[in-house]
Amino acid sequence: MNQAYHYPEELELLTYPHPILRRPAEPVTLFDDQLAAFCRRMLDAMHQFKGVGLAAPQVGVSRQIFVSDHGGLMAEQDPPPSLERIWINPRIEQHQGSTTYEEGCLSFPGIYAKVERHDRFTVVWQDLQGAEQRLELNAADDVLGIVVQHELDHLHGKLFVDHLTTVQLTLVRRKLKEMEQAYKKATGKAGSILRR
């Protein structure tokens, strides 16, 4: 029997080095009205935070859910189209090739770096009713492929800074240290800091 899960009403964006960002998220097993309402709140929060993707761990919920809307990245469309999507229990299959894209992350404000990702792949996920969906993506041609891989990392406790080279990390190390110090001052704890 699937247990009901209590999703928070108010969503707060968690930033590095909050430990939940490093915890692998649990699968969603109950597809109910509470899940649907939470996903709507996530979409609203993503727009409020001015992001193109948002994973549940970023708002303190360790469940395999992320939302996306990359419409704002569509060049020369005013107003930009809404391309809202909800991804539950997503996974990647049949990946090949690689591409590089400059990424940022709501949980790392002000930090941007080029990250290497899969180029072509199939993403498999469940919708709000639990039905399986599949989509083939080419990240070099469609930024949605980058968004999906970035957010999927969050569900596995992996962060985009984990992909950075030693040289790239050197360039952002000061900002990371500032975030670590701010977290320790606010909580009295070190959090899950980057160990390289």
N, C-alpha and C. Protein backbone atom coordinates (compact mmCIF):
# COMPACT_ATOMS: atom_id res chain seq x y z
N MET A 1 0.84 -1.19 0.00
CA MET A 1 0.00 0.00 0.00
C MET A 1 0.88 1.25 0.00
N ASN A 2 0.55 2.19 -0.86
CA ASN A 2 1.32 3.42 -0.96
C ASN A 2 0.97 4.37 0.17
N GLN A 3 1.99 4.85 0.85
CA GLN A 3 1.80 5.77 1.96
C GLN A 3 1.63 7.19 1.44
N ALA A 4 0.71 7.94 2.03
CA ALA A 4 0.55 9.34 1.69
C ALA A 4 1.79 10.10 2.13
N TYR A 5 2.17 11.09 1.36
CA TYR A 5 3.35 11.90 1.67
C TYR A 5 2.87 13.32 1.90
N HIS A 6 3.37 13.94 2.95
CA HIS A 6 3.00 15.32 3.25
C HIS A 6 3.94 16.28 2.53
N TYR A 7 3.42 16.96 1.52
CA TYR A 7 4.21 17.95 0.79
C TYR A 7 4.02 19.31 1.44
N PRO A 8 5.08 20.10 1.55
CA PRO A 8 4.96 21.41 2.20
C PRO A 8 4.10 22.38 1.40
N GLU A 9 3.40 23.25 2.13
CA GLU A 9 2.59 24.28 1.49
C GLU A 9 3.46 25.44 1.00
N GLU A 10 4.42 25.83 1.82
CA GLU A 10 5.31 26.94 1.48
C GLU A 10 6.65 26.36 1.02
N LEU A 11 7.14 26.84 -0.10
CA LEU A 11 8.38 26.32 -0.65
C LEU A 11 9.51 27.32 -0.48
N GLU A 12 10.58 26.87 0.14
CA GLU A 12 11.77 27.69 0.36
C GLU A 12 12.91 27.11 -0.47
N LEU A 13 13.60 27.96 -1.20
CA LEU A 13 14.72 27.50 -2.02
C LEU A 13 15.94 27.25 -1.14
N LEU A 14 16.45 26.03 -1.20
CA LEU A 14 17.64 25.66 -0.43
C LEU A 14 18.88 25.87 -1.29
N THR A 15 19.93 26.39 -0.67
CA THR A 15 21.16 26.62 -1.40
C THR A 15 22.30 25.79 -0.80
N TYR A 16 23.36 25.65 -1.57
CA TYR A 16 24.57 24.98 -1.14
C TYR A 16 25.05 25.62 0.15
N PRO A 17 25.50 24.86 1.14
CA PRO A 17 25.73 23.41 1.19
C PRO A 17 24.66 22.63 1.98
N HIS A 18 23.38 22.99 1.83
CA HIS A 18 22.33 22.28 2.57
C HIS A 18 22.44 20.78 2.29
N PRO A 19 22.43 19.94 3.35
CA PRO A 19 22.67 18.49 3.15
C PRO A 19 21.62 17.76 2.31
N ILE A 20 20.39 18.25 2.27
CA ILE A 20 19.38 17.52 1.48
C ILE A 20 19.73 17.54 0.00
N LEU A 21 20.52 18.52 -0.43
CA LEU A 21 20.92 18.60 -1.84
C LEU A 21 21.84 17.45 -2.22
N ARG A 22 22.43 16.78 -1.22
CA ARG A 22 23.33 15.65 -1.48
C ARG A 22 22.66 14.29 -1.26
N ARG A 23 21.40 14.30 -0.87
CA ARG A 23 20.71 13.05 -0.55
C ARG A 23 19.96 12.53 -1.79
N PRO A 24 20.20 11.27 -2.20
CA PRO A 24 19.40 10.72 -3.31
C PRO A 24 17.92 10.72 -2.94
N ALA A 25 17.09 11.17 -3.87
CA ALA A 25 15.66 11.30 -3.62
C ALA A 25 14.94 9.96 -3.74
N GLU A 26 13.86 9.83 -2.99
CA GLU A 26 13.04 8.61 -3.01
C GLU A 26 12.06 8.65 -4.19
N PRO A 27 11.72 7.49 -4.75
CA PRO A 27 10.73 7.46 -5.83
C PRO A 27 9.34 7.87 -5.33
N VAL A 28 8.56 8.44 -6.22
CA VAL A 28 7.16 8.74 -5.94
C VAL A 28 6.36 7.47 -6.21
N THR A 29 5.54 7.06 -5.26
CA THR A 29 4.72 5.85 -5.43
C THR A 29 3.22 6.14 -5.40
N LEU A 30 2.84 7.32 -4.93
CA LEU A 30 1.42 7.66 -4.83
C LEU A 30 1.14 8.88 -5.70
N PHE A 31 0.28 8.69 -6.68
CA PHE A 31 -0.07 9.75 -7.62
C PHE A 31 -1.45 10.27 -7.25
N ASP A 32 -1.48 11.32 -6.44
CA ASP A 32 -2.75 11.81 -5.91
C ASP A 32 -2.85 13.32 -6.07
N ASP A 33 -3.92 13.90 -5.52
CA ASP A 33 -4.15 15.35 -5.63
C ASP A 33 -3.06 16.14 -4.91
N GLN A 34 -2.52 15.59 -3.80
CA GLN A 34 -1.47 16.28 -3.08
C GLN A 34 -0.21 16.41 -3.94
N LEU A 35 0.11 15.35 -4.67
CA LEU A 35 1.26 15.40 -5.57
C LEU A 35 1.04 16.45 -6.65
N ALA A 36 -0.14 16.45 -7.26
CA ALA A 36 -0.43 17.41 -8.32
C ALA A 36 -0.34 18.85 -7.81
N ALA A 37 -0.88 19.10 -6.62
CA ALA A 37 -0.85 20.45 -6.05
C ALA A 37 0.58 20.87 -5.74
N PHE A 38 1.38 19.94 -5.23
CA PHE A 38 2.78 20.24 -4.95
C PHE A 38 3.53 20.59 -6.22
N CYS A 39 3.30 19.83 -7.29
CA CYS A 39 3.97 20.09 -8.55
C CYS A 39 3.59 21.48 -9.09
N ARG A 40 2.33 21.88 -8.91
CA ARG A 40 1.92 23.22 -9.32
C ARG A 40 2.66 24.29 -8.50
N ARG A 41 2.80 24.04 -7.21
CA ARG A 41 3.55 24.98 -6.36
C ARG A 41 5.02 25.04 -6.79
N MET A 42 5.55 23.89 -7.19
CA MET A 42 6.94 23.89 -7.68
C MET A 42 7.09 24.72 -8.95
N LEU A 43 6.15 24.58 -9.87
CA LEU A 43 6.20 25.38 -11.09
C LEU A 43 6.12 26.87 -10.77
N ASP A 44 5.21 27.22 -9.88
CA ASP A 44 5.07 28.62 -9.48
C ASP A 44 6.36 29.13 -8.84
N ALA A 45 6.96 28.31 -7.96
CA ALA A 45 8.20 28.69 -7.29
C ALA A 45 9.33 28.84 -8.29
N MET A 46 9.41 27.93 -9.26
CA MET A 46 10.46 28.01 -10.28
C MET A 46 10.37 29.34 -11.02
N HIS A 47 9.15 29.73 -11.40
CA HIS A 47 8.98 31.01 -12.09
C HIS A 47 9.34 32.18 -11.16
N GLN A 48 8.93 32.08 -9.91
CA GLN A 48 9.24 33.13 -8.93
C GLN A 48 10.75 33.29 -8.75
N PHE A 49 11.47 32.16 -8.71
CA PHE A 49 12.92 32.19 -8.55
C PHE A 49 13.65 32.48 -9.86
N LYS A 50 12.88 32.60 -10.95
CA LYS A 50 13.43 32.89 -12.29
C LYS A 50 14.36 31.78 -12.78
N GLY A 51 13.91 30.54 -12.59
CA GLY A 51 14.66 29.39 -13.07
C GLY A 51 14.00 28.76 -14.28
N VAL A 52 14.71 27.85 -14.94
CA VAL A 52 14.15 27.08 -16.05
C VAL A 52 13.90 25.64 -15.63
N GLY A 53 14.35 25.30 -14.41
CA GLY A 53 14.12 23.97 -13.85
C GLY A 53 14.22 24.06 -12.35
N LEU A 54 13.54 23.15 -11.67
CA LEU A 54 13.58 23.10 -10.21
C LEU A 54 13.30 21.67 -9.77
N ALA A 55 14.21 21.13 -8.96
CA ALA A 55 14.06 19.77 -8.46
C ALA A 55 13.53 19.80 -7.03
N ALA A 56 12.73 18.80 -6.68
CA ALA A 56 12.11 18.75 -5.35
C ALA A 56 13.13 18.89 -4.21
N PRO A 57 14.31 18.26 -4.28
CA PRO A 57 15.26 18.46 -3.18
C PRO A 57 15.65 19.92 -2.97
N GLN A 58 15.58 20.73 -4.01
CA GLN A 58 15.93 22.15 -3.88
C GLN A 58 14.92 22.92 -3.02
N VAL A 59 13.74 22.33 -2.81
CA VAL A 59 12.75 22.95 -1.92
C VAL A 59 12.50 22.06 -0.71
N GLY A 60 13.47 21.20 -0.40
CA GLY A 60 13.42 20.42 0.83
C GLY A 60 12.61 19.14 0.78
N VAL A 61 12.24 18.68 -0.42
CA VAL A 61 11.44 17.47 -0.56
C VAL A 61 12.29 16.41 -1.28
N SER A 62 12.63 15.35 -0.56
CA SER A 62 13.49 14.32 -1.12
C SER A 62 12.67 13.28 -1.89
N ARG A 63 12.08 13.75 -2.99
CA ARG A 63 11.29 12.90 -3.88
C ARG A 63 11.75 13.11 -5.30
N GLN A 64 11.62 12.07 -6.13
CA GLN A 64 12.10 12.12 -7.52
C GLN A 64 11.11 12.89 -8.40
N ILE A 65 11.16 14.20 -8.25
CA ILE A 65 10.28 15.11 -9.01
C ILE A 65 11.11 16.31 -9.43
N PHE A 66 10.96 16.72 -10.67
CA PHE A 66 11.43 18.05 -11.04
C PHE A 66 10.46 18.65 -12.05
N VAL A 67 10.52 19.97 -12.15
CA VAL A 67 9.67 20.69 -13.10
C VAL A 67 10.58 21.51 -13.99
N SER A 68 10.07 21.87 -15.16
CA SER A 68 10.88 22.68 -16.08
C SER A 68 9.98 23.57 -16.93
N ASP A 69 10.56 24.64 -17.41
CA ASP A 69 9.94 25.52 -18.39
C ASP A 69 11.06 26.31 -19.03
N HIS A 70 11.53 25.82 -20.17
CA HIS A 70 12.64 26.48 -20.85
C HIS A 70 12.16 27.47 -21.91
N GLY A 71 10.88 27.81 -21.87
CA GLY A 71 10.32 28.74 -22.86
C GLY A 71 11.01 30.09 -22.85
N GLY A 72 11.46 30.52 -21.67
CA GLY A 72 12.14 31.81 -21.57
C GLY A 72 13.47 31.85 -22.28
N LEU A 73 14.02 30.69 -22.62
CA LEU A 73 15.30 30.64 -23.33
C LEU A 73 15.12 30.62 -24.85
N MET A 74 13.86 30.62 -25.29
CA MET A 74 13.59 30.61 -26.73
C MET A 74 13.88 32.00 -27.28
N ALA A 75 14.82 32.07 -28.19
CA ALA A 75 15.27 33.36 -28.72
C ALA A 75 14.17 34.06 -29.52
N GLU A 76 14.11 35.36 -29.35
CA GLU A 76 13.27 36.23 -30.18
C GLU A 76 11.79 35.91 -30.13
N GLN A 77 11.30 35.38 -29.04
CA GLN A 77 9.86 35.18 -28.89
C GLN A 77 9.40 36.00 -27.70
N ASP A 78 8.54 36.98 -27.96
CA ASP A 78 8.07 37.87 -26.90
C ASP A 78 6.55 37.99 -27.00
N PRO A 79 5.80 37.55 -26.01
CA PRO A 79 6.32 36.92 -24.80
C PRO A 79 6.80 35.49 -25.08
N PRO A 80 7.70 34.98 -24.22
CA PRO A 80 8.18 33.62 -24.45
C PRO A 80 7.06 32.60 -24.25
N PRO A 81 7.12 31.49 -24.99
CA PRO A 81 6.08 30.47 -24.83
C PRO A 81 6.22 29.73 -23.50
N SER A 82 5.11 29.24 -22.98
CA SER A 82 5.17 28.41 -21.78
C SER A 82 5.40 26.97 -22.22
N LEU A 83 6.45 26.38 -21.73
CA LEU A 83 6.79 24.99 -22.04
C LEU A 83 6.89 24.19 -20.74
N GLU A 84 5.94 24.44 -19.84
CA GLU A 84 5.95 23.79 -18.53
C GLU A 84 5.83 22.27 -18.65
N ARG A 85 6.66 21.59 -17.87
CA ARG A 85 6.61 20.12 -17.81
C ARG A 85 6.83 19.67 -16.38
N ILE A 86 6.23 18.55 -16.04
CA ILE A 86 6.41 17.91 -14.74
C ILE A 86 7.00 16.53 -15.00
N TRP A 87 8.08 16.21 -14.31
CA TRP A 87 8.83 14.97 -14.51
C TRP A 87 8.87 14.20 -13.19
N ILE A 88 8.30 13.03 -13.16
CA ILE A 88 8.26 12.22 -11.93
C ILE A 88 8.98 10.90 -12.18
N ASN A 89 9.85 10.52 -11.25
CA ASN A 89 10.66 9.29 -11.36
C ASN A 89 11.37 9.20 -12.71
N PRO A 90 12.06 10.27 -13.12
CA PRO A 90 12.70 10.25 -14.45
C PRO A 90 13.99 9.45 -14.46
N ARG A 91 14.33 8.97 -15.65
CA ARG A 91 15.61 8.30 -15.86
C ARG A 91 16.03 8.49 -17.32
N ILE A 92 17.31 8.33 -17.56
CA ILE A 92 17.86 8.46 -18.90
C ILE A 92 18.22 7.08 -19.43
N GLU A 93 17.89 6.87 -20.70
CA GLU A 93 18.25 5.63 -21.38
C GLU A 93 18.94 5.98 -22.69
N GLN A 94 19.74 5.05 -23.19
CA GLN A 94 20.34 5.12 -24.53
C GLN A 94 21.00 6.46 -24.82
N HIS A 95 21.94 6.85 -23.95
CA HIS A 95 22.63 8.12 -24.19
C HIS A 95 23.85 7.90 -25.07
N GLN A 96 24.18 8.95 -25.84
CA GLN A 96 25.35 8.90 -26.70
C GLN A 96 25.84 10.31 -26.99
N GLY A 97 27.11 10.41 -27.29
CA GLY A 97 27.70 11.69 -27.63
C GLY A 97 27.80 12.62 -26.43
N SER A 98 28.39 13.80 -26.65
CA SER A 98 28.49 14.78 -25.58
C SER A 98 28.38 16.17 -26.16
N THR A 99 27.97 17.09 -25.32
CA THR A 99 27.89 18.50 -25.69
C THR A 99 28.20 19.32 -24.45
N THR A 100 28.59 20.56 -24.65
CA THR A 100 28.94 21.44 -23.53
C THR A 100 28.04 22.65 -23.54
N TYR A 101 27.59 23.05 -22.34
CA TYR A 101 26.67 24.17 -22.21
C TYR A 101 26.98 24.92 -20.92
N GLU A 102 26.88 26.24 -20.95
CA GLU A 102 27.10 27.01 -19.73
C GLU A 102 25.85 26.92 -18.86
N GLU A 103 26.05 26.44 -17.64
CA GLU A 103 24.93 26.23 -16.72
C GLU A 103 25.08 27.09 -15.48
N GLY A 104 23.94 27.36 -14.88
CA GLY A 104 23.86 27.96 -13.57
C GLY A 104 22.91 27.10 -12.76
N CYS A 105 22.70 27.44 -11.51
CA CYS A 105 21.81 26.65 -10.66
C CYS A 105 21.22 27.56 -9.59
N LEU A 106 19.93 27.44 -9.36
CA LEU A 106 19.27 28.25 -8.34
C LEU A 106 19.88 28.03 -6.96
N SER A 107 20.42 26.84 -6.72
CA SER A 107 21.03 26.54 -5.42
C SER A 107 22.47 27.04 -5.32
N PHE A 108 22.98 27.63 -6.41
CA PHE A 108 24.32 28.23 -6.44
C PHE A 108 24.21 29.60 -7.09
N PRO A 109 23.53 30.55 -6.46
CA PRO A 109 23.33 31.85 -7.10
C PRO A 109 24.63 32.54 -7.47
N GLY A 110 24.65 33.04 -8.70
CA GLY A 110 25.82 33.79 -9.17
C GLY A 110 26.96 32.94 -9.70
N ILE A 111 26.81 31.62 -9.72
CA ILE A 111 27.88 30.75 -10.22
C ILE A 111 27.43 30.14 -11.55
N TYR A 112 28.27 30.30 -12.56
CA TYR A 112 28.01 29.75 -13.90
C TYR A 112 29.28 29.09 -14.40
N ALA A 113 29.12 27.99 -15.12
CA ALA A 113 30.29 27.31 -15.67
C ALA A 113 29.85 26.38 -16.79
N LYS A 114 30.77 26.11 -17.70
CA LYS A 114 30.49 25.17 -18.80
C LYS A 114 30.57 23.75 -18.26
N VAL A 115 29.54 22.97 -18.60
CA VAL A 115 29.43 21.59 -18.13
C VAL A 115 29.24 20.67 -19.34
N GLU A 116 29.91 19.53 -19.31
CA GLU A 116 29.74 18.55 -20.39
C GLU A 116 28.61 17.60 -20.02
N ARG A 117 27.72 17.40 -20.98
CA ARG A 117 26.54 16.53 -20.78
C ARG A 117 26.40 15.58 -21.96
N HIS A 118 25.49 14.59 -21.80
CA HIS A 118 25.15 13.72 -22.93
C HIS A 118 24.51 14.58 -24.02
N ASP A 119 24.76 14.23 -25.26
CA ASP A 119 24.14 14.94 -26.37
C ASP A 119 22.76 14.36 -26.68
N ARG A 120 22.73 13.11 -27.12
CA ARG A 120 21.45 12.48 -27.48
C ARG A 120 21.10 11.41 -26.45
N PHE A 121 19.83 11.39 -26.06
CA PHE A 121 19.38 10.40 -25.10
C PHE A 121 17.86 10.32 -25.10
N THR A 122 17.35 9.27 -24.47
CA THR A 122 15.91 9.13 -24.24
C THR A 122 15.65 9.34 -22.76
N VAL A 123 14.70 10.20 -22.45
CA VAL A 123 14.29 10.38 -21.06
C VAL A 123 12.95 9.69 -20.88
N VAL A 124 12.85 8.93 -19.80
CA VAL A 124 11.63 8.20 -19.46
C VAL A 124 11.16 8.71 -18.11
N TRP A 125 9.87 9.03 -17.98
CA TRP A 125 9.35 9.55 -16.71
C TRP A 125 7.87 9.21 -16.60
N GLN A 126 7.31 9.52 -15.43
CA GLN A 126 5.88 9.34 -15.23
C GLN A 126 5.21 10.71 -15.13
N ASP A 127 3.98 10.77 -15.62
CA ASP A 127 3.22 12.00 -15.52
C ASP A 127 2.42 12.01 -14.21
N LEU A 128 1.57 12.99 -14.01
CA LEU A 128 0.83 13.13 -12.75
C LEU A 128 -0.14 11.99 -12.48
N GLN A 129 -0.50 11.25 -13.52
CA GLN A 129 -1.37 10.09 -13.34
C GLN A 129 -0.57 8.79 -13.17
N GLY A 130 0.75 8.89 -13.28
CA GLY A 130 1.60 7.70 -13.14
C GLY A 130 1.88 7.00 -14.45
N ALA A 131 1.38 7.54 -15.56
CA ALA A 131 1.60 6.91 -16.87
C ALA A 131 3.02 7.21 -17.35
N GLU A 132 3.67 6.18 -17.92
CA GLU A 132 5.04 6.35 -18.39
C GLU A 132 5.07 7.14 -19.70
N GLN A 133 6.01 8.06 -19.78
CA GLN A 133 6.21 8.88 -20.97
C GLN A 133 7.66 8.71 -21.43
N ARG A 134 7.89 8.93 -22.72
CA ARG A 134 9.24 8.83 -23.27
C ARG A 134 9.46 9.98 -24.25
N LEU A 135 10.68 10.50 -24.28
CA LEU A 135 10.99 11.59 -25.19
C LEU A 135 12.46 11.49 -25.57
N GLU A 136 12.73 11.56 -26.87
CA GLU A 136 14.11 11.58 -27.35
C GLU A 136 14.56 13.02 -27.42
N LEU A 137 15.74 13.30 -26.86
CA LEU A 137 16.25 14.66 -26.83
C LEU A 137 17.65 14.73 -27.43
N ASN A 138 17.92 15.85 -28.06
CA ASN A 138 19.25 16.15 -28.58
C ASN A 138 19.67 17.46 -27.92
N ALA A 139 20.54 17.36 -26.92
CA ALA A 139 20.89 18.53 -26.10
C ALA A 139 21.62 19.60 -26.90
N ALA A 140 22.30 19.23 -27.96
CA ALA A 140 23.00 20.23 -28.76
C ALA A 140 22.01 21.14 -29.50
N ASP A 141 20.82 20.61 -29.80
CA ASP A 141 19.81 21.37 -30.55
C ASP A 141 18.69 21.90 -29.67
N ASP A 142 18.48 21.31 -28.51
CA ASP A 142 17.35 21.68 -27.66
C ASP A 142 17.83 21.77 -26.22
N VAL A 143 17.79 22.98 -25.66
CA VAL A 143 18.30 23.19 -24.30
C VAL A 143 17.52 22.36 -23.27
N LEU A 144 16.35 21.86 -23.61
CA LEU A 144 15.61 21.01 -22.69
C LEU A 144 16.46 19.80 -22.30
N GLY A 145 17.28 19.31 -23.24
CA GLY A 145 18.16 18.18 -22.94
C GLY A 145 19.15 18.50 -21.83
N ILE A 146 19.62 19.74 -21.78
CA ILE A 146 20.53 20.17 -20.72
C ILE A 146 19.76 20.29 -19.40
N VAL A 147 18.59 20.93 -19.46
CA VAL A 147 17.77 21.13 -18.26
C VAL A 147 17.44 19.78 -17.61
N VAL A 148 17.03 18.82 -18.43
CA VAL A 148 16.65 17.50 -17.91
C VAL A 148 17.83 16.86 -17.19
N GLN A 149 19.02 16.90 -17.79
CA GLN A 149 20.19 16.26 -17.17
C GLN A 149 20.61 16.97 -15.89
N HIS A 150 20.53 18.30 -15.89
CA HIS A 150 20.88 19.08 -14.70
C HIS A 150 19.95 18.75 -13.54
N GLU A 151 18.64 18.75 -13.82
CA GLU A 151 17.66 18.50 -12.75
C GLU A 151 17.70 17.04 -12.30
N LEU A 152 17.93 16.13 -13.24
CA LEU A 152 18.02 14.71 -12.89
C LEU A 152 19.19 14.47 -11.93
N ASP A 153 20.29 15.18 -12.13
CA ASP A 153 21.41 15.09 -11.20
C ASP A 153 20.96 15.40 -9.77
N HIS A 154 20.15 16.45 -9.63
CA HIS A 154 19.66 16.83 -8.29
C HIS A 154 18.96 15.65 -7.60
N LEU A 155 18.25 14.85 -8.36
CA LEU A 155 17.50 13.73 -7.77
C LEU A 155 18.42 12.60 -7.31
N HIS A 156 19.67 12.64 -7.76
CA HIS A 156 20.66 11.64 -7.36
C HIS A 156 21.67 12.21 -6.36
N GLY A 157 21.40 13.42 -5.87
CA GLY A 157 22.31 14.03 -4.91
C GLY A 157 23.58 14.58 -5.53
N LYS A 158 23.54 14.79 -6.85
CA LYS A 158 24.70 15.30 -7.56
C LYS A 158 24.41 16.76 -7.96
N LEU A 159 25.44 17.60 -7.88
CA LEU A 159 25.27 19.02 -8.17
C LEU A 159 26.14 19.42 -9.35
N PHE A 160 25.76 20.49 -10.01
CA PHE A 160 26.48 20.83 -11.24
C PHE A 160 27.95 21.17 -10.99
N VAL A 161 28.29 21.60 -9.77
CA VAL A 161 29.70 21.87 -9.47
C VAL A 161 30.53 20.58 -9.44
N ASP A 162 29.87 19.44 -9.29
CA ASP A 162 30.59 18.16 -9.31
C ASP A 162 31.18 17.87 -10.69
N HIS A 163 30.63 18.52 -11.72
CA HIS A 163 31.11 18.32 -13.10
C HIS A 163 32.28 19.23 -13.45
N LEU A 164 32.59 20.20 -12.59
CA LEU A 164 33.60 21.20 -12.94
C LEU A 164 35.02 20.65 -12.86
N THR A 165 35.84 21.16 -13.74
CA THR A 165 37.26 20.80 -13.72
C THR A 165 37.93 21.51 -12.54
N THR A 166 39.16 21.12 -12.25
CA THR A 166 39.92 21.76 -11.17
C THR A 166 40.09 23.26 -11.44
N VAL A 167 40.35 23.61 -12.68
CA VAL A 167 40.52 25.02 -13.05
C VAL A 167 39.21 25.78 -12.85
N GLN A 168 38.10 25.19 -13.30
CA GLN A 168 36.79 25.85 -13.12
C GLN A 168 36.47 26.03 -11.63
N LEU A 169 36.77 25.01 -10.83
CA LEU A 169 36.51 25.11 -9.39
C LEU A 169 37.33 26.22 -8.74
N THR A 170 38.56 26.39 -9.20
CA THR A 170 39.40 27.46 -8.66
C THR A 170 38.74 28.82 -8.85
N LEU A 171 38.08 28.99 -9.99
CA LEU A 171 37.44 30.27 -10.30
C LEU A 171 36.22 30.55 -9.43
N VAL A 172 35.57 29.51 -8.92
CA VAL A 172 34.34 29.72 -8.13
C VAL A 172 34.54 29.38 -6.65
N ARG A 173 35.75 28.97 -6.28
CA ARG A 173 36.00 28.52 -4.90
C ARG A 173 35.66 29.59 -3.86
N ARG A 174 35.99 30.84 -4.15
CA ARG A 174 35.71 31.91 -3.19
C ARG A 174 34.22 32.04 -2.92
N LYS A 175 33.43 31.99 -3.98
CA LYS A 175 31.97 32.08 -3.83
C LYS A 175 31.43 30.89 -3.03
N LEU A 176 31.96 29.70 -3.29
CA LEU A 176 31.54 28.52 -2.55
C LEU A 176 31.86 28.66 -1.06
N LYS A 177 33.06 29.17 -0.77
CA LYS A 177 33.45 29.37 0.63
C LYS A 177 32.51 30.37 1.32
N GLU A 178 32.12 31.42 0.61
CA GLU A 178 31.20 32.41 1.18
C GLU A 178 29.86 31.76 1.51
N MET A 179 29.38 30.89 0.61
CA MET A 179 28.11 30.19 0.84
C MET A 179 28.23 29.23 2.02
N GLU A 180 29.37 28.55 2.12
CA GLU A 180 29.59 27.63 3.24
C GLU A 180 29.60 28.39 4.57
N GLN A 181 30.27 29.54 4.59
CA GLN A 181 30.33 30.34 5.82
C GLN A 181 28.96 30.88 6.20
N ALA A 182 28.18 31.32 5.22
CA ALA A 182 26.84 31.84 5.49
C ALA A 182 25.93 30.75 6.05
N TYR A 183 26.05 29.53 5.49
CA TYR A 183 25.24 28.40 5.98
C TYR A 183 25.62 28.07 7.42
N LYS A 184 26.92 28.03 7.70
CA LYS A 184 27.38 27.69 9.05
C LYS A 184 26.92 28.75 10.05
N LYS A 185 26.97 30.01 9.65
CA LYS A 185 26.54 31.09 10.53
C LYS A 185 25.04 30.99 10.83
N ALA A 186 24.25 30.61 9.81
CA ALA A 186 22.80 30.52 9.96
C ALA A 186 22.35 29.29 10.74
N THR A 187 23.10 28.16 10.59
CA THR A 187 22.63 26.90 11.16
C THR A 187 23.52 26.35 12.28
N GLY A 188 24.76 26.81 12.35
CA GLY A 188 25.70 26.25 13.29
C GLY A 188 26.31 24.93 12.82
N LYS A 189 26.01 24.55 11.57
CA LYS A 189 26.51 23.29 11.01
C LYS A 189 27.27 23.57 9.72
N ALA A 190 28.16 22.64 9.38
CA ALA A 190 28.97 22.81 8.18
C ALA A 190 28.19 22.54 6.90
N GLY A 191 27.19 21.65 6.97
CA GLY A 191 26.49 21.26 5.75
C GLY A 191 27.31 20.25 4.96
N SER A 192 26.86 19.95 3.75
CA SER A 192 27.56 18.99 2.89
C SER A 192 28.42 19.76 1.91
N ILE A 193 29.67 20.02 2.32
CA ILE A 193 30.55 20.85 1.49
C ILE A 193 31.27 20.01 0.44
N LEU A 194 31.63 20.68 -0.63
CA LEU A 194 32.36 20.04 -1.71
C LEU A 194 33.73 19.61 -1.22
N ARG A 195 34.09 18.35 -1.44
CA ARG A 195 35.33 17.80 -0.87
C ARG A 195 36.46 17.70 -1.88
N ARG A 196 36.59 18.62 -2.77
CA ARG A 196 37.74 18.60 -3.69
C ARG A 196 38.14 20.01 -4.06
